[in-house]
């Protein structure tokens, strides 16, 4: 009897965490994208609000994340294809020490700006709970889509959503 109660308690706690995460994520997806400023790999500070008027993809990633590594060149292709139409990607690395991220970028460079969130301040603003996490922001600065994790084929969904936002 005690084992069953313990299992139910663990299940209830798990569900509560899941619903709390979903609620926090829903809050982000229903309003303006929280503004932030981070140092980029080129050394300059970039502010999200400076990109108002463009469709912006914010991609949270880490060098230790296999799906992030798999997704990165596909995001670079998406960036190259849609940049002339008012689209940008801000790749936000979430590691406290960016050494491994910089090495990864040396091995597999990308053309979009990469920012470093060493204190996890921006990750917290966006309630990042999975790697990678991808947020699409419309030209008015409103969060329109949120993707957690990556599996092959997600890039097709990204492309459809980017096209739709560019057309608006």
N, C-alpha and C. Protein backbone atom coordinates (compact mmCIF):
# COMPACT_ATOMS: atom_id res chain seq x y z
N UNK A 1 0.82 -1.18 0.00
CA UNK A 1 0.00 0.00 0.00
C UNK A 1 0.87 1.26 0.00
N UNK A 2 1.94 1.28 0.82
CA UNK A 2 2.81 2.44 0.86
C UNK A 2 3.52 2.66 -0.47
N UNK A 3 3.93 1.56 -1.14
CA UNK A 3 4.60 1.68 -2.43
C UNK A 3 3.68 2.33 -3.45
N UNK A 4 2.42 1.98 -3.44
CA UNK A 4 1.46 2.56 -4.37
C UNK A 4 1.28 4.05 -4.09
N UNK A 5 1.21 4.44 -2.85
CA UNK A 5 1.07 5.84 -2.48
C UNK A 5 2.30 6.63 -2.91
N UNK A 6 3.48 6.06 -2.70
CA UNK A 6 4.72 6.72 -3.12
C UNK A 6 4.72 6.92 -4.63
N UNK A 7 4.35 5.89 -5.39
CA UNK A 7 4.32 6.00 -6.85
C UNK A 7 3.33 7.07 -7.29
N UNK A 8 2.18 7.12 -6.64
CA UNK A 8 1.19 8.14 -6.99
C UNK A 8 1.73 9.53 -6.67
N UNK A 9 2.43 9.67 -5.55
CA UNK A 9 3.00 10.97 -5.18
C UNK A 9 4.05 11.40 -6.19
N UNK A 10 4.91 10.48 -6.58
CA UNK A 10 5.94 10.79 -7.57
C UNK A 10 5.28 11.18 -8.89
N UNK A 11 4.27 10.44 -9.30
CA UNK A 11 3.55 10.75 -10.54
C UNK A 11 2.89 12.12 -10.46
N UNK A 12 2.30 12.42 -9.33
CA UNK A 12 1.63 13.72 -9.15
C UNK A 12 2.64 14.86 -9.21
N UNK A 13 3.80 14.67 -8.58
CA UNK A 13 4.84 15.69 -8.61
C UNK A 13 5.33 15.88 -10.05
N UNK A 14 5.55 14.79 -10.75
CA UNK A 14 5.98 14.86 -12.15
C UNK A 14 4.99 15.61 -13.01
N UNK A 15 3.71 15.34 -12.82
CA UNK A 15 2.68 16.05 -13.58
C UNK A 15 2.65 17.53 -13.22
N UNK A 16 2.83 17.84 -11.94
CA UNK A 16 2.83 19.24 -11.52
C UNK A 16 3.99 20.00 -12.17
N UNK A 17 5.17 19.39 -12.22
CA UNK A 17 6.32 20.02 -12.86
C UNK A 17 6.06 20.20 -14.35
N UNK A 18 5.50 19.17 -14.99
CA UNK A 18 5.19 19.25 -16.42
C UNK A 18 4.20 20.38 -16.69
N UNK A 19 3.13 20.48 -15.91
CA UNK A 19 2.13 21.53 -16.12
C UNK A 19 2.71 22.91 -15.81
N UNK A 20 3.55 23.00 -14.79
CA UNK A 20 4.18 24.29 -14.47
C UNK A 20 5.09 24.72 -15.61
N UNK A 21 5.85 23.79 -16.18
CA UNK A 21 6.71 24.11 -17.33
C UNK A 21 5.87 24.54 -18.51
N UNK A 22 4.79 23.82 -18.77
CA UNK A 22 3.92 24.15 -19.89
C UNK A 22 3.28 25.52 -19.67
N UNK A 23 2.89 25.82 -18.45
CA UNK A 23 2.28 27.12 -18.16
C UNK A 23 3.30 28.24 -18.36
N UNK A 24 4.52 28.04 -17.89
CA UNK A 24 5.56 29.06 -18.07
C UNK A 24 5.85 29.25 -19.55
N UNK A 25 5.90 28.17 -20.31
CA UNK A 25 6.13 28.26 -21.74
C UNK A 25 4.98 28.97 -22.42
N UNK A 26 3.75 28.68 -22.00
CA UNK A 26 2.59 29.32 -22.59
C UNK A 26 2.64 30.82 -22.35
N UNK A 27 3.11 31.25 -21.18
CA UNK A 27 3.21 32.68 -20.89
C UNK A 27 4.14 33.36 -21.90
N UNK A 28 5.24 32.73 -22.22
CA UNK A 28 6.19 33.29 -23.19
C UNK A 28 5.54 33.37 -24.57
N UNK A 29 4.82 32.32 -24.96
CA UNK A 29 4.26 32.25 -26.31
C UNK A 29 3.07 33.17 -26.51
N UNK A 30 2.55 33.77 -25.46
CA UNK A 30 1.37 34.60 -25.58
C UNK A 30 1.65 36.09 -25.60
N UNK A 31 2.91 36.49 -25.58
CA UNK A 31 3.16 37.92 -25.48
C UNK A 31 4.42 38.35 -26.17
N UNK A 32 4.87 39.55 -25.82
CA UNK A 32 6.09 40.07 -26.44
C UNK A 32 7.31 39.27 -26.00
N UNK A 33 8.25 39.15 -26.92
CA UNK A 33 9.50 38.46 -26.61
C UNK A 33 10.27 39.30 -25.61
N UNK A 34 10.69 38.71 -24.48
CA UNK A 34 11.50 39.48 -23.52
C UNK A 34 12.77 40.00 -24.19
N UNK A 35 13.04 41.28 -24.02
CA UNK A 35 14.23 41.88 -24.62
C UNK A 35 15.47 41.48 -23.83
N UNK A 36 16.59 41.44 -24.51
CA UNK A 36 17.85 41.10 -23.86
C UNK A 36 19.00 41.66 -24.69
N UNK A 37 20.15 41.74 -24.05
CA UNK A 37 21.40 42.12 -24.70
C UNK A 37 22.45 41.11 -24.28
N UNK A 38 23.16 40.56 -25.26
CA UNK A 38 24.24 39.61 -24.98
C UNK A 38 25.43 39.92 -25.89
N UNK A 39 26.61 39.55 -25.42
CA UNK A 39 27.83 39.69 -26.23
C UNK A 39 27.85 38.58 -27.28
N UNK A 40 28.22 38.98 -28.49
CA UNK A 40 28.27 38.02 -29.60
C UNK A 40 29.68 37.46 -29.78
N UNK A 41 29.78 36.46 -30.62
CA UNK A 41 31.08 35.84 -30.89
C UNK A 41 32.03 36.83 -31.57
N UNK A 42 31.49 37.87 -32.20
CA UNK A 42 32.34 38.89 -32.83
C UNK A 42 32.79 39.96 -31.82
N UNK A 43 32.28 39.87 -30.58
CA UNK A 43 32.69 40.80 -29.53
C UNK A 43 31.73 41.95 -29.30
N UNK A 44 30.76 42.15 -30.19
CA UNK A 44 29.82 43.25 -30.00
C UNK A 44 28.60 42.79 -29.21
N UNK A 45 27.97 43.73 -28.53
CA UNK A 45 26.73 43.45 -27.82
C UNK A 45 25.57 43.57 -28.80
N UNK A 46 24.68 42.58 -28.81
CA UNK A 46 23.49 42.62 -29.65
C UNK A 46 22.26 42.60 -28.76
N UNK A 47 21.28 43.41 -29.14
CA UNK A 47 20.03 43.54 -28.39
C UNK A 47 18.89 43.05 -29.27
N UNK A 48 18.04 42.20 -28.73
CA UNK A 48 16.92 41.66 -29.51
C UNK A 48 16.08 42.78 -30.12
N UNK A 49 15.78 43.81 -29.37
CA UNK A 49 14.90 44.88 -29.87
C UNK A 49 15.48 45.60 -31.09
N UNK A 50 16.78 45.50 -31.32
CA UNK A 50 17.40 46.09 -32.51
C UNK A 50 16.94 45.39 -33.79
N UNK A 51 16.37 44.21 -33.64
CA UNK A 51 15.92 43.43 -34.80
C UNK A 51 14.43 43.59 -35.06
N UNK A 52 13.77 44.51 -34.35
CA UNK A 52 12.35 44.76 -34.56
C UNK A 52 12.15 45.08 -36.03
N UNK A 53 11.12 44.52 -36.62
CA UNK A 53 10.87 44.68 -38.06
C UNK A 53 11.33 43.48 -38.85
N UNK A 54 12.11 42.61 -38.22
CA UNK A 54 12.54 41.35 -38.84
C UNK A 54 11.89 40.19 -38.12
N UNK A 55 11.80 39.07 -38.82
CA UNK A 55 11.41 37.81 -38.18
C UNK A 55 12.68 37.26 -37.55
N UNK A 56 12.62 36.94 -36.26
CA UNK A 56 13.82 36.50 -35.53
C UNK A 56 13.60 35.10 -34.96
N UNK A 57 14.55 34.23 -35.20
CA UNK A 57 14.59 32.92 -34.57
C UNK A 57 15.66 32.99 -33.49
N UNK A 58 15.27 32.69 -32.27
CA UNK A 58 16.23 32.61 -31.17
C UNK A 58 16.41 31.12 -30.89
N UNK A 59 17.62 30.65 -31.07
CA UNK A 59 17.91 29.23 -30.89
C UNK A 59 18.88 29.06 -29.72
N UNK A 60 18.38 28.47 -28.64
CA UNK A 60 19.19 28.19 -27.46
C UNK A 60 19.88 26.84 -27.66
N UNK A 61 21.21 26.80 -27.50
CA UNK A 61 21.96 25.59 -27.78
C UNK A 61 23.18 25.47 -26.87
N UNK A 62 23.76 24.26 -26.89
CA UNK A 62 24.99 23.99 -26.13
C UNK A 62 25.87 23.04 -26.96
N UNK A 63 27.16 23.16 -26.79
CA UNK A 63 28.09 22.33 -27.57
C UNK A 63 27.98 20.85 -27.20
N UNK A 64 27.57 20.54 -25.97
CA UNK A 64 27.47 19.15 -25.52
C UNK A 64 26.18 18.48 -26.01
N UNK A 65 25.32 19.24 -26.65
CA UNK A 65 24.00 18.75 -27.09
C UNK A 65 24.09 18.20 -28.51
N UNK A 66 23.95 16.88 -28.64
CA UNK A 66 24.01 16.24 -29.96
C UNK A 66 22.98 16.79 -30.94
N UNK A 67 21.71 16.89 -30.55
CA UNK A 67 20.72 17.45 -31.48
C UNK A 67 21.04 18.89 -31.88
N UNK A 68 21.65 19.66 -30.99
CA UNK A 68 22.05 21.04 -31.32
C UNK A 68 23.08 21.02 -32.45
N UNK A 69 24.05 20.13 -32.33
CA UNK A 69 25.10 20.00 -33.35
C UNK A 69 24.50 19.59 -34.70
N UNK A 70 23.52 18.71 -34.64
CA UNK A 70 22.85 18.23 -35.86
C UNK A 70 22.04 19.35 -36.50
N UNK A 71 21.41 20.15 -35.69
CA UNK A 71 20.52 21.20 -36.18
C UNK A 71 21.26 22.42 -36.71
N UNK A 72 22.42 22.73 -36.16
CA UNK A 72 23.12 23.98 -36.46
C UNK A 72 23.35 24.23 -37.96
N UNK A 73 23.88 23.28 -38.74
CA UNK A 73 24.07 23.57 -40.17
C UNK A 73 22.75 23.76 -40.92
N UNK A 74 21.69 23.12 -40.45
CA UNK A 74 20.38 23.28 -41.08
C UNK A 74 19.83 24.68 -40.80
N UNK A 75 20.07 25.17 -39.60
CA UNK A 75 19.66 26.54 -39.28
C UNK A 75 20.45 27.54 -40.11
N UNK A 76 21.72 27.26 -40.34
CA UNK A 76 22.54 28.16 -41.15
C UNK A 76 22.01 28.23 -42.59
N UNK A 77 21.56 27.10 -43.13
CA UNK A 77 20.95 27.10 -44.47
C UNK A 77 19.67 27.94 -44.48
N UNK A 78 18.85 27.78 -43.45
CA UNK A 78 17.61 28.55 -43.33
C UNK A 78 17.92 30.05 -43.27
N UNK A 79 18.92 30.40 -42.49
CA UNK A 79 19.34 31.79 -42.35
C UNK A 79 19.77 32.36 -43.71
N UNK A 80 20.61 31.63 -44.41
CA UNK A 80 21.11 32.10 -45.71
C UNK A 80 19.97 32.28 -46.71
N UNK A 81 19.03 31.37 -46.68
CA UNK A 81 17.92 31.42 -47.63
C UNK A 81 16.98 32.60 -47.38
N UNK A 82 16.67 32.89 -46.11
CA UNK A 82 15.64 33.88 -45.80
C UNK A 82 16.16 35.23 -45.29
N UNK A 83 17.46 35.34 -45.06
CA UNK A 83 18.02 36.61 -44.59
C UNK A 83 17.67 37.78 -45.51
N UNK A 84 17.73 37.62 -46.82
CA UNK A 84 17.38 38.76 -47.69
C UNK A 84 15.92 39.21 -47.57
N UNK A 85 15.07 38.39 -46.97
CA UNK A 85 13.65 38.72 -46.83
C UNK A 85 13.30 39.28 -45.45
N UNK A 86 14.33 39.59 -44.65
CA UNK A 86 14.08 40.17 -43.33
C UNK A 86 14.00 39.14 -42.23
N UNK A 87 14.87 38.14 -42.28
CA UNK A 87 14.90 37.08 -41.28
C UNK A 87 16.30 36.99 -40.70
N UNK A 88 16.37 36.78 -39.39
CA UNK A 88 17.66 36.55 -38.77
C UNK A 88 17.53 35.45 -37.71
N UNK A 89 18.66 34.88 -37.37
CA UNK A 89 18.75 33.89 -36.29
C UNK A 89 19.74 34.44 -35.27
N UNK A 90 19.38 34.33 -34.01
CA UNK A 90 20.30 34.62 -32.93
C UNK A 90 20.53 33.30 -32.21
N UNK A 91 21.71 32.74 -32.38
CA UNK A 91 22.07 31.50 -31.71
C UNK A 91 22.58 31.84 -30.32
N UNK A 92 21.87 31.40 -29.29
CA UNK A 92 22.23 31.74 -27.91
C UNK A 92 22.84 30.50 -27.24
N UNK A 93 24.15 30.56 -27.02
CA UNK A 93 24.83 29.47 -26.33
C UNK A 93 24.62 29.64 -24.84
N UNK A 94 24.28 28.54 -24.16
CA UNK A 94 23.89 28.60 -22.75
C UNK A 94 24.97 28.14 -21.77
N UNK A 95 26.16 27.89 -22.25
CA UNK A 95 27.21 27.35 -21.39
C UNK A 95 27.92 28.46 -20.60
N UNK A 96 28.26 28.16 -19.34
CA UNK A 96 28.96 29.12 -18.50
C UNK A 96 30.34 29.43 -19.06
N UNK A 97 31.01 28.42 -19.57
CA UNK A 97 32.32 28.59 -20.19
C UNK A 97 32.15 28.35 -21.69
N UNK A 98 32.28 29.38 -22.50
CA UNK A 98 32.02 29.23 -23.94
C UNK A 98 33.17 28.61 -24.74
N UNK A 99 34.19 28.10 -24.08
CA UNK A 99 35.35 27.54 -24.79
C UNK A 99 34.94 26.45 -25.77
N UNK A 100 34.15 25.49 -25.31
CA UNK A 100 33.73 24.38 -26.19
C UNK A 100 32.83 24.88 -27.32
N UNK A 101 31.98 25.85 -27.01
CA UNK A 101 31.09 26.42 -28.05
C UNK A 101 31.92 27.09 -29.13
N UNK A 102 32.94 27.85 -28.73
CA UNK A 102 33.80 28.52 -29.71
C UNK A 102 34.54 27.51 -30.56
N UNK A 103 34.99 26.41 -29.94
CA UNK A 103 35.67 25.35 -30.70
C UNK A 103 34.72 24.73 -31.71
N UNK A 104 33.50 24.48 -31.29
CA UNK A 104 32.50 23.91 -32.20
C UNK A 104 32.25 24.85 -33.38
N UNK A 105 32.17 26.14 -33.10
CA UNK A 105 31.95 27.12 -34.17
C UNK A 105 33.16 27.23 -35.10
N UNK A 106 34.36 26.99 -34.57
CA UNK A 106 35.55 26.95 -35.43
C UNK A 106 35.49 25.75 -36.37
N UNK A 107 35.03 24.62 -35.83
CA UNK A 107 34.93 23.39 -36.63
C UNK A 107 33.77 23.43 -37.62
N UNK A 108 32.68 24.04 -37.21
CA UNK A 108 31.46 24.12 -38.04
C UNK A 108 30.92 25.54 -37.97
N UNK A 109 31.52 26.47 -38.72
CA UNK A 109 31.10 27.86 -38.61
C UNK A 109 29.68 28.09 -39.14
N UNK A 110 29.04 29.10 -38.59
CA UNK A 110 27.72 29.53 -39.06
C UNK A 110 27.80 31.01 -39.40
N UNK A 111 26.86 31.47 -40.22
CA UNK A 111 26.86 32.85 -40.66
C UNK A 111 25.99 33.77 -39.80
N UNK A 112 25.11 33.18 -39.00
CA UNK A 112 24.24 34.00 -38.16
C UNK A 112 24.95 34.36 -36.85
N UNK A 113 24.50 35.43 -36.20
CA UNK A 113 25.13 35.84 -34.94
C UNK A 113 24.95 34.78 -33.85
N UNK A 114 26.04 34.55 -33.13
CA UNK A 114 26.03 33.65 -31.97
C UNK A 114 26.31 34.49 -30.74
N UNK A 115 25.45 34.33 -29.74
CA UNK A 115 25.54 35.10 -28.50
C UNK A 115 25.83 34.17 -27.33
N UNK A 116 26.40 34.71 -26.27
CA UNK A 116 26.77 33.89 -25.13
C UNK A 116 26.00 34.31 -23.88
N UNK A 117 25.21 33.38 -23.36
CA UNK A 117 24.39 33.59 -22.17
C UNK A 117 25.05 32.86 -20.99
N UNK A 118 26.23 33.34 -20.61
CA UNK A 118 27.05 32.64 -19.60
C UNK A 118 26.39 32.59 -18.23
N UNK A 119 25.56 33.54 -17.91
CA UNK A 119 24.89 33.57 -16.60
C UNK A 119 23.48 32.99 -16.66
N UNK A 120 23.07 32.48 -17.80
CA UNK A 120 21.74 31.88 -18.01
C UNK A 120 20.59 32.87 -17.76
N UNK A 121 20.87 34.15 -17.86
CA UNK A 121 19.83 35.14 -17.62
C UNK A 121 18.75 35.10 -18.71
N UNK A 122 19.18 35.01 -19.96
CA UNK A 122 18.22 34.99 -21.07
C UNK A 122 17.49 33.65 -21.12
N UNK A 123 18.21 32.58 -20.84
CA UNK A 123 17.59 31.25 -20.79
C UNK A 123 16.45 31.23 -19.77
N UNK A 124 16.66 31.89 -18.64
CA UNK A 124 15.62 31.97 -17.61
C UNK A 124 14.45 32.83 -18.08
N UNK A 125 14.75 33.95 -18.74
CA UNK A 125 13.69 34.82 -19.28
C UNK A 125 12.74 34.04 -20.19
N UNK A 126 13.32 33.12 -20.95
CA UNK A 126 12.56 32.34 -21.94
C UNK A 126 12.14 30.97 -21.42
N UNK A 127 12.36 30.71 -20.15
CA UNK A 127 11.98 29.43 -19.54
C UNK A 127 12.49 28.22 -20.32
N UNK A 128 13.76 28.28 -20.70
CA UNK A 128 14.34 27.18 -21.48
C UNK A 128 14.48 25.96 -20.59
N UNK A 129 13.84 24.87 -21.01
CA UNK A 129 13.88 23.62 -20.25
C UNK A 129 14.41 22.45 -21.06
N UNK A 130 14.71 22.66 -22.34
CA UNK A 130 15.21 21.59 -23.21
C UNK A 130 16.26 22.17 -24.15
N UNK A 131 17.18 21.31 -24.56
CA UNK A 131 18.21 21.70 -25.53
C UNK A 131 18.00 20.90 -26.79
N UNK A 132 17.99 21.54 -27.94
CA UNK A 132 17.88 22.97 -28.12
C UNK A 132 16.45 23.43 -27.88
N UNK A 133 16.27 24.72 -27.70
CA UNK A 133 14.94 25.35 -27.67
C UNK A 133 14.97 26.47 -28.69
N UNK A 134 13.90 26.56 -29.47
CA UNK A 134 13.84 27.52 -30.56
C UNK A 134 12.57 28.35 -30.44
N UNK A 135 12.74 29.67 -30.50
CA UNK A 135 11.63 30.61 -30.38
C UNK A 135 11.58 31.42 -31.67
N UNK A 136 10.40 31.54 -32.26
CA UNK A 136 10.22 32.40 -33.43
C UNK A 136 9.44 33.64 -33.03
N UNK A 137 10.01 34.79 -33.35
CA UNK A 137 9.45 36.09 -32.99
C UNK A 137 9.05 36.82 -34.27
N UNK A 138 7.83 37.37 -34.30
CA UNK A 138 7.38 38.06 -35.51
C UNK A 138 7.97 39.46 -35.60
N UNK A 139 7.66 40.16 -36.68
CA UNK A 139 8.23 41.48 -36.95
C UNK A 139 7.86 42.52 -35.89
N UNK A 140 6.76 42.27 -35.16
CA UNK A 140 6.32 43.18 -34.11
C UNK A 140 6.91 42.84 -32.75
N UNK A 141 7.77 41.82 -32.69
CA UNK A 141 8.42 41.46 -31.43
C UNK A 141 7.61 40.52 -30.56
N UNK A 142 6.62 39.85 -31.15
CA UNK A 142 5.77 38.93 -30.38
C UNK A 142 6.23 37.48 -30.63
N UNK A 143 6.30 36.70 -29.55
CA UNK A 143 6.64 35.28 -29.67
C UNK A 143 5.48 34.58 -30.35
N UNK A 144 5.78 33.87 -31.44
CA UNK A 144 4.72 33.20 -32.19
C UNK A 144 4.81 31.68 -32.13
N UNK A 145 6.04 31.16 -32.06
CA UNK A 145 6.22 29.70 -32.02
C UNK A 145 7.34 29.36 -31.05
N UNK A 146 7.18 28.21 -30.40
CA UNK A 146 8.19 27.71 -29.48
C UNK A 146 8.38 26.22 -29.74
N UNK A 147 9.62 25.81 -29.93
CA UNK A 147 9.95 24.40 -30.16
C UNK A 147 10.96 23.98 -29.10
N UNK A 148 10.70 22.85 -28.46
CA UNK A 148 11.64 22.32 -27.48
C UNK A 148 12.21 21.02 -28.02
N UNK A 149 13.54 20.94 -28.02
CA UNK A 149 14.21 19.77 -28.57
C UNK A 149 14.35 19.88 -30.08
N UNK A 150 14.94 18.85 -30.67
CA UNK A 150 15.09 18.80 -32.12
C UNK A 150 15.11 17.34 -32.56
N UNK A 151 14.38 17.09 -33.63
CA UNK A 151 14.43 15.80 -34.32
C UNK A 151 14.49 16.10 -35.80
N UNK A 152 15.15 15.22 -36.59
CA UNK A 152 15.19 15.45 -38.03
C UNK A 152 13.78 15.69 -38.58
N UNK A 153 13.67 16.71 -39.40
CA UNK A 153 12.38 17.09 -39.96
C UNK A 153 11.83 18.36 -39.35
N UNK A 154 12.29 18.72 -38.13
CA UNK A 154 11.82 19.97 -37.51
C UNK A 154 12.14 21.16 -38.40
N UNK A 155 13.24 21.08 -39.17
CA UNK A 155 13.63 22.21 -40.01
C UNK A 155 12.57 22.51 -41.07
N UNK A 156 11.82 21.50 -41.48
CA UNK A 156 10.72 21.73 -42.43
C UNK A 156 9.63 22.57 -41.78
N UNK A 157 9.33 22.28 -40.53
CA UNK A 157 8.35 23.07 -39.78
C UNK A 157 8.85 24.49 -39.59
N UNK A 158 10.14 24.64 -39.23
CA UNK A 158 10.72 25.96 -39.08
C UNK A 158 10.54 26.76 -40.37
N UNK A 159 10.85 26.12 -41.49
CA UNK A 159 10.78 26.80 -42.77
C UNK A 159 9.35 27.27 -43.07
N UNK A 160 8.37 26.42 -42.82
CA UNK A 160 6.97 26.82 -43.04
C UNK A 160 6.60 27.99 -42.15
N UNK A 161 7.00 27.95 -40.90
CA UNK A 161 6.66 29.02 -39.97
C UNK A 161 7.37 30.32 -40.32
N UNK A 162 8.62 30.25 -40.71
CA UNK A 162 9.38 31.44 -41.11
C UNK A 162 8.73 32.06 -42.35
N UNK A 163 8.39 31.23 -43.33
CA UNK A 163 7.72 31.75 -44.54
C UNK A 163 6.43 32.47 -44.18
N UNK A 164 5.64 31.87 -43.31
CA UNK A 164 4.36 32.47 -42.94
C UNK A 164 4.58 33.82 -42.25
N UNK A 165 5.56 33.89 -41.35
CA UNK A 165 5.83 35.14 -40.63
C UNK A 165 6.41 36.21 -41.56
N UNK A 166 7.21 35.82 -42.52
CA UNK A 166 7.76 36.78 -43.47
C UNK A 166 6.64 37.38 -44.33
N UNK A 167 5.64 36.57 -44.67
CA UNK A 167 4.53 37.04 -45.51
C UNK A 167 3.60 38.01 -44.80
N UNK A 168 3.62 37.99 -43.47
CA UNK A 168 2.68 38.85 -42.72
C UNK A 168 3.03 40.32 -42.85
